[in-house]
Amino acid sequence: MPDEHGIEALSGIEGLRVFRHSPRLPPEAADAEVLIPDFLGGEALNLVDRLPKLRLVQLLTTGADAWAGRLPDHIMLSTCRGAHGGSSAEWVVGALLTFYREFTAFDAARRVGKWTPHTTDTLQDKRILVIGAGDLGHQLRRRFDAFDARTTLVASRARDGVHGVDELPALLPEHDAVVLVVPLTEATTRMVDKKFLSLLPDGAIVVNAARGPVVDTDALLAELTSGRLRAALDVTDPEPLPADHPLWTAPNIVITPHVAGNSAGHRARAYRVAAAEIARFAAGKAPLNLLRGAY
């Protein structure tokens, strides 16, 4: 594992020997069966070939795009689903409230000493389309329920209470905002393209809390520049966003630097999930968060 926090979190699991792989790989690595990379630590991929007994990579993040499809078939990959959904859902709600309650406009008025009372929009009664029906999707539905908004969940396949992605052409025109919380896969790359955006009603808000390449940046820029759509982005393509990129100066947009899940206590929450997954593995059971590719 990458740090002392992990050693402490896993110290109570019977039968484990725990050690750090950074700043250098110790001799004990020859016997290691589990690897925990650091947050967004795709660089740990170069350790895999040096761990001959490795059977499980346990991530501290929900996103697995740096690892998916890059491990030998005999090595399992488990995500940290359940650790960061609450914080990310909080960010999504905050982003939508920023638009509907016009916090940015009121702050701009404050900066020049203007008192500008007027009626704003509201999150209440809004129709929110959430694409991604995993932990974060369900966390969002709970929070939107508290605001009296109406949530529609979409996943790669339809199931009880969840629509299938094939229904999007009919669903998009009927919603005030679309929230993206899907993994980055071949199927979701550029999912939000010119056609997708064209189906949204005027004034709709696109919220990307997934990965930047889920959205076609040029197509989104065109809609923002025309003034037809709005967007809240915690992730971008490219990322980090270059200082001269036109997204910075586009109208109708809120951008944060990939921080939706990065809140106080995120490391402790991640290690609690990781410890539970590794305890199952140590007991001869399959981890619950094994990556399966669907959303």
Protein backbone atom coordinates (compact mmCIF):
# COMPACT_ATOMS: atom_id res chain seq x y z
CA MET A 1 0.00 0.00 0.00
CA PRO A 2 1.09 3.60 -0.56
CA ASP A 3 1.12 5.13 2.94
CA GLU A 4 0.96 4.73 6.70
CA HIS A 5 -2.80 5.44 6.73
CA GLY A 6 -3.34 2.18 4.88
CA ILE A 7 -1.10 0.22 7.18
CA GLU A 8 -3.12 1.43 10.15
CA ALA A 9 -6.46 0.72 8.44
CA LEU A 10 -5.53 -2.87 7.58
CA SER A 11 -3.61 -3.73 10.73
CA GLY A 12 -6.63 -5.36 12.36
CA ILE A 13 -7.29 -7.89 9.60
CA GLU A 14 -6.21 -11.33 10.68
CA GLY A 15 -3.61 -13.10 8.59
CA LEU A 16 -2.31 -10.06 6.69
CA ARG A 17 1.24 -8.82 6.38
CA VAL A 18 1.11 -5.16 5.39
CA PHE A 19 3.90 -3.00 3.96
CA ARG A 20 4.41 0.07 1.76
CA HIS A 21 5.35 0.02 -1.90
CA SER A 22 6.52 3.61 -1.91
CA PRO A 23 8.94 5.26 -2.09
CA ARG A 24 10.49 1.90 -3.06
CA LEU A 25 9.30 -1.68 -3.36
CA PRO A 26 10.57 -3.78 -0.42
CA PRO A 27 11.86 -7.38 -0.65
CA GLU A 28 8.57 -8.66 0.88
CA ALA A 29 6.84 -7.71 -2.38
CA ALA A 30 7.80 -11.11 -3.77
CA ASP A 31 4.98 -12.59 -1.65
CA ALA A 32 2.40 -9.80 -2.07
CA GLU A 33 -1.06 -10.91 -3.25
CA VAL A 34 -2.80 -7.51 -3.00
CA LEU A 35 -1.72 -4.09 -4.30
CA ILE A 36 -3.32 -0.79 -3.24
CA PRO A 37 -2.24 2.08 -5.52
CA ASP A 38 -2.40 5.66 -4.29
CA PHE A 39 -5.32 7.90 -5.30
CA LEU A 40 -5.37 8.29 -9.10
CA GLY A 41 -2.09 6.38 -8.98
CA GLY A 42 -1.91 4.80 -12.42
CA GLU A 43 1.88 4.93 -12.14
CA ALA A 44 1.65 1.90 -9.84
CA LEU A 45 0.87 -0.15 -12.94
CA ASN A 46 4.60 -0.57 -13.40
CA LEU A 47 4.69 -2.56 -10.15
CA VAL A 48 2.44 -5.34 -11.44
CA ASP A 49 5.19 -7.20 -13.29
CA ARG A 50 7.33 -7.08 -10.14
CA LEU A 51 4.71 -8.77 -7.95
CA PRO A 52 4.72 -12.42 -9.07
CA LYS A 53 2.00 -13.55 -6.63
CA LEU A 54 -0.36 -10.62 -7.18
CA ARG A 55 -4.04 -11.64 -7.33
CA LEU A 56 -5.95 -8.45 -6.48
CA VAL A 57 -5.55 -4.72 -7.13
CA GLN A 58 -7.70 -2.76 -4.69
CA LEU A 59 -8.27 0.85 -5.74
CA LEU A 60 -8.92 3.80 -3.44
CA THR A 61 -11.07 5.44 -6.12
CA THR A 62 -14.37 4.55 -7.75
CA GLY A 63 -13.03 5.37 -11.20
CA ALA A 64 -10.91 2.60 -12.67
CA ASP A 65 -10.10 3.89 -16.15
CA ALA A 66 -6.32 3.93 -15.47
CA TRP A 67 -6.45 0.19 -14.67
CA ALA A 68 -9.36 -1.38 -16.53
CA GLY A 69 -8.24 -3.76 -19.25
CA ARG A 70 -4.57 -3.39 -18.32
CA LEU A 71 -4.16 -6.30 -15.92
CA PRO A 72 -3.55 -9.99 -16.68
CA ASP A 73 -6.70 -12.11 -16.54
CA HIS A 74 -5.71 -13.81 -13.26
CA ILE A 75 -5.55 -10.48 -11.36
CA MET A 76 -8.85 -9.11 -10.01
CA LEU A 77 -9.60 -5.38 -9.91
CA SER A 78 -11.79 -3.95 -7.15
CA THR A 79 -12.94 -0.34 -6.95
CA CYS A 80 -13.68 1.80 -3.90
CA ARG A 81 -17.38 2.09 -4.67
CA GLY A 82 -19.22 3.47 -1.65
CA ALA A 83 -16.39 5.65 -0.34
CA HIS A 84 -16.79 8.86 -2.33
CA GLY A 85 -20.38 8.85 -3.57
CA GLY A 86 -21.65 11.12 -0.80
CA SER A 87 -19.06 13.84 -1.42
CA SER A 88 -19.50 13.71 -5.18
CA ALA A 89 -23.29 13.87 -4.86
CA GLU A 90 -22.88 16.92 -2.63
CA TRP A 91 -20.80 18.61 -5.35
CA VAL A 92 -23.46 17.90 -7.99
CA VAL A 93 -26.21 19.41 -5.85
CA GLY A 94 -24.02 22.44 -5.12
CA ALA A 95 -23.29 22.93 -8.82
CA LEU A 96 -26.97 22.85 -9.74
CA LEU A 97 -27.87 25.24 -6.92
CA THR A 98 -25.15 27.61 -8.14
CA PHE A 99 -27.05 27.93 -11.43
CA TYR A 100 -30.62 27.83 -10.18
CA ARG A 101 -30.09 30.24 -7.27
CA GLU A 102 -27.65 32.42 -9.26
CA PHE A 103 -24.90 32.44 -6.65
CA THR A 104 -22.29 33.44 -9.24
CA ALA A 105 -24.31 36.44 -10.41
CA PHE A 106 -25.01 37.58 -6.85
CA ASP A 107 -21.31 37.28 -6.01
CA ALA A 108 -20.40 39.37 -9.05
CA ALA A 109 -22.83 42.04 -7.86
CA ARG A 110 -21.31 41.89 -4.39
CA ARG A 111 -17.86 42.58 -5.80
CA VAL A 112 -19.02 45.92 -7.21
CA GLY A 113 -21.23 46.81 -4.26
CA LYS A 114 -24.59 46.29 -5.96
CA TRP A 115 -27.74 45.10 -4.19
CA THR A 116 -29.67 43.14 -6.85
CA PRO A 117 -32.73 41.41 -5.36
CA HIS A 118 -34.78 39.38 -7.82
CA THR A 119 -36.57 36.05 -8.15
CA THR A 120 -34.35 33.11 -9.07
CA ASP A 121 -35.03 29.64 -10.34
CA THR A 122 -35.12 26.63 -7.98
CA LEU A 123 -34.06 23.00 -7.84
CA GLN A 124 -37.54 22.10 -6.61
CA ASP A 125 -39.64 20.23 -9.18
CA LYS A 126 -36.73 20.00 -11.63
CA ARG A 127 -36.47 16.83 -13.71
CA ILE A 128 -32.93 15.45 -13.29
CA LEU A 129 -31.60 12.73 -15.57
CA VAL A 130 -28.76 10.81 -13.87
CA ILE A 131 -26.75 8.61 -16.23
CA GLY A 132 -25.03 5.99 -14.08
CA ALA A 133 -26.99 3.94 -11.57
CA GLY A 134 -24.23 2.78 -9.25
CA ASP A 135 -23.54 4.05 -5.74
CA LEU A 136 -23.24 7.68 -6.81
CA GLY A 137 -26.41 7.56 -8.89
CA HIS A 138 -28.40 6.28 -5.91
CA GLN A 139 -26.73 8.81 -3.58
CA LEU A 140 -27.86 11.54 -5.96
CA ARG A 141 -31.44 10.29 -6.06
CA ARG A 142 -31.62 10.43 -2.24
CA ARG A 143 -30.41 14.01 -2.21
CA PHE A 144 -32.63 15.16 -5.06
CA ASP A 145 -35.62 13.63 -3.27
CA ALA A 146 -34.83 15.91 -0.31
CA PHE A 147 -35.04 18.93 -2.65
CA ASP A 148 -38.34 17.76 -4.16
CA ALA A 149 -36.69 17.26 -7.53
CA ARG A 150 -37.60 14.30 -9.73
CA THR A 151 -34.82 11.88 -10.62
CA THR A 152 -34.63 9.47 -13.54
CA LEU A 153 -31.81 6.91 -13.38
CA VAL A 154 -30.22 5.47 -16.53
CA ALA A 155 -27.78 2.58 -16.79
CA SER A 156 -26.21 0.51 -19.55
CA ARG A 157 -29.15 -1.90 -19.25
CA ALA A 158 -32.68 -1.39 -17.95
CA ARG A 159 -33.68 -2.92 -14.63
CA ASP A 160 -36.25 -2.29 -11.93
CA GLY A 161 -36.46 1.49 -11.39
CA VAL A 162 -33.68 2.18 -13.91
CA HIS A 163 -33.95 2.99 -17.63
CA GLY A 164 -31.59 1.61 -20.24
CA VAL A 165 -29.16 3.80 -22.18
CA ASP A 166 -31.05 2.96 -25.37
CA GLU A 167 -33.93 5.09 -24.03
CA LEU A 168 -31.88 8.31 -23.93
CA PRO A 169 -33.26 9.82 -27.16
CA ALA A 170 -36.74 9.85 -25.61
CA LEU A 171 -35.57 10.87 -22.12
CA LEU A 172 -33.23 13.78 -22.88
CA PRO A 173 -35.89 16.24 -24.15
CA GLU A 174 -37.96 15.68 -21.01
CA HIS A 175 -35.32 16.71 -18.43
CA ASP A 176 -34.00 20.01 -17.10
CA ALA A 177 -30.51 18.71 -16.26
CA VAL A 178 -28.42 15.67 -17.08
CA VAL A 179 -25.81 14.42 -14.59
CA LEU A 180 -23.03 12.14 -15.82
CA VAL A 181 -21.64 9.64 -13.30
CA VAL A 182 -20.57 6.81 -15.60
CA PRO A 183 -17.19 5.06 -15.76
CA LEU A 184 -14.95 5.88 -18.70
CA THR A 185 -15.19 2.97 -21.12
CA GLU A 186 -15.20 2.53 -24.87
CA ALA A 187 -19.00 2.79 -24.77
CA THR A 188 -19.10 6.01 -22.72
CA THR A 189 -16.26 7.87 -24.45
CA ARG A 190 -17.85 10.85 -26.28
CA MET A 191 -21.28 9.61 -25.19
CA VAL A 192 -22.29 13.25 -24.87
CA ASP A 193 -21.83 14.38 -28.47
CA LYS A 194 -23.51 16.90 -30.76
CA LYS A 195 -26.60 14.73 -31.25
CA PHE A 196 -26.96 14.01 -27.51
CA LEU A 197 -26.73 17.71 -26.65
CA SER A 198 -29.17 18.69 -29.40
CA LEU A 199 -31.87 16.59 -27.74
CA LEU A 200 -31.71 18.56 -24.48
CA PRO A 201 -34.21 21.41 -24.04
CA ASP A 202 -33.08 25.03 -24.12
CA GLY A 203 -31.54 26.11 -20.81
CA ALA A 204 -30.71 22.56 -19.68
CA ILE A 205 -27.63 21.99 -17.53
CA VAL A 206 -25.00 19.34 -18.32
CA VAL A 207 -23.17 18.20 -15.18
CA ASN A 208 -20.05 16.07 -15.66
CA ALA A 209 -18.87 14.34 -12.48
CA ALA A 210 -17.59 11.32 -14.42
CA ARG A 211 -14.51 11.71 -16.64
CA GLY A 212 -13.69 14.43 -19.15
CA PRO A 213 -13.73 12.29 -22.32
CA VAL A 214 -17.35 11.27 -21.67
CA VAL A 215 -18.21 14.67 -23.19
CA ASP A 216 -17.23 15.91 -26.64
CA THR A 217 -15.65 19.21 -25.61
CA ASP A 218 -16.08 20.94 -28.98
CA ALA A 219 -19.77 20.01 -29.16
CA LEU A 220 -20.34 21.31 -25.63
CA LEU A 221 -18.46 24.54 -26.36
CA ALA A 222 -20.70 25.19 -29.33
CA GLU A 223 -23.84 24.86 -27.18
CA LEU A 224 -22.40 27.04 -24.40
CA THR A 225 -21.25 29.75 -26.79
CA SER A 226 -24.68 29.89 -28.41
CA GLY A 227 -26.21 30.37 -24.97
CA ARG A 228 -28.57 27.42 -25.40
CA LEU A 229 -27.13 25.14 -22.70
CA ARG A 230 -25.26 25.47 -19.41
CA ALA A 231 -22.62 23.19 -17.87
CA ALA A 232 -20.95 22.32 -14.58
CA LEU A 233 -17.71 20.40 -15.06
CA ASP A 234 -15.56 18.81 -12.38
CA VAL A 235 -13.63 17.00 -15.11
CA THR A 236 -12.54 18.15 -18.54
CA ASP A 237 -10.99 16.92 -21.76
CA PRO A 238 -8.13 17.72 -21.79
CA GLU A 239 -7.28 17.59 -18.09
CA PRO A 240 -5.73 19.55 -16.51
CA LEU A 241 -7.37 22.26 -18.58
CA PRO A 242 -4.69 24.45 -20.27
CA ALA A 243 -4.70 28.12 -19.27
CA ASP A 244 -5.61 29.22 -22.81
CA HIS A 245 -8.42 26.72 -23.34
CA PRO A 246 -11.73 28.29 -24.50
CA LEU A 247 -13.71 26.48 -21.77
CA TRP A 248 -12.27 28.90 -19.22
CA THR A 249 -13.95 31.87 -20.89
CA ALA A 250 -17.09 30.16 -22.18
CA PRO A 251 -20.40 31.57 -20.91
CA ASN A 252 -22.84 29.62 -18.75
CA ILE A 253 -20.25 27.34 -17.14
CA VAL A 254 -18.89 26.38 -13.72
CA ILE A 255 -15.55 24.52 -13.59
CA THR A 256 -13.81 22.88 -10.64
CA PRO A 257 -10.46 21.02 -10.83
CA HIS A 258 -11.57 17.37 -10.33
CA VAL A 259 -12.39 17.79 -6.65
CA ALA A 260 -15.97 16.45 -6.35
CA GLY A 261 -14.97 13.47 -4.23
CA ASN A 262 -12.00 15.15 -2.59
CA SER A 263 -13.39 16.30 0.75
CA ALA A 264 -12.34 16.07 4.38
CA GLY A 265 -12.03 12.44 5.47
CA HIS A 266 -11.90 11.00 1.93
CA ARG A 267 -8.79 8.93 2.65
CA ALA A 268 -10.26 7.39 5.80
CA ARG A 269 -13.50 6.56 3.97
CA ALA A 270 -11.55 4.98 1.12
CA TYR A 271 -9.48 2.80 3.41
CA ARG A 272 -12.59 1.60 5.26
CA VAL A 273 -13.97 0.27 1.99
CA ALA A 274 -10.58 -1.13 0.94
CA ALA A 275 -10.14 -2.88 4.29
CA ALA A 276 -13.55 -4.54 3.99
CA GLU A 277 -12.77 -5.72 0.44
CA ILE A 278 -9.38 -7.12 1.43
CA ALA A 279 -10.86 -8.81 4.50
CA ARG A 280 -13.25 -10.66 2.18
CA PHE A 281 -10.35 -11.64 -0.07
CA ALA A 282 -8.31 -12.86 2.92
CA ALA A 283 -11.30 -14.98 4.01
CA GLY A 284 -11.46 -16.65 0.59
CA LYS A 285 -14.44 -14.62 -0.64
CA ALA A 286 -14.72 -12.45 -3.74
CA PRO A 287 -14.56 -8.68 -3.12
CA LEU A 288 -17.92 -6.98 -3.59
CA ASN A 289 -16.62 -4.19 -5.84
CA LEU A 290 -14.98 -6.27 -8.55
CA LEU A 291 -14.99 -4.32 -11.79
CA ARG A 292 -17.52 -5.65 -14.25
CA GLY A 293 -17.67 -2.82 -16.76
CA ALA A 294 -21.38 -1.91 -16.64
CA TYR A 295 -22.90 1.19 -15.01
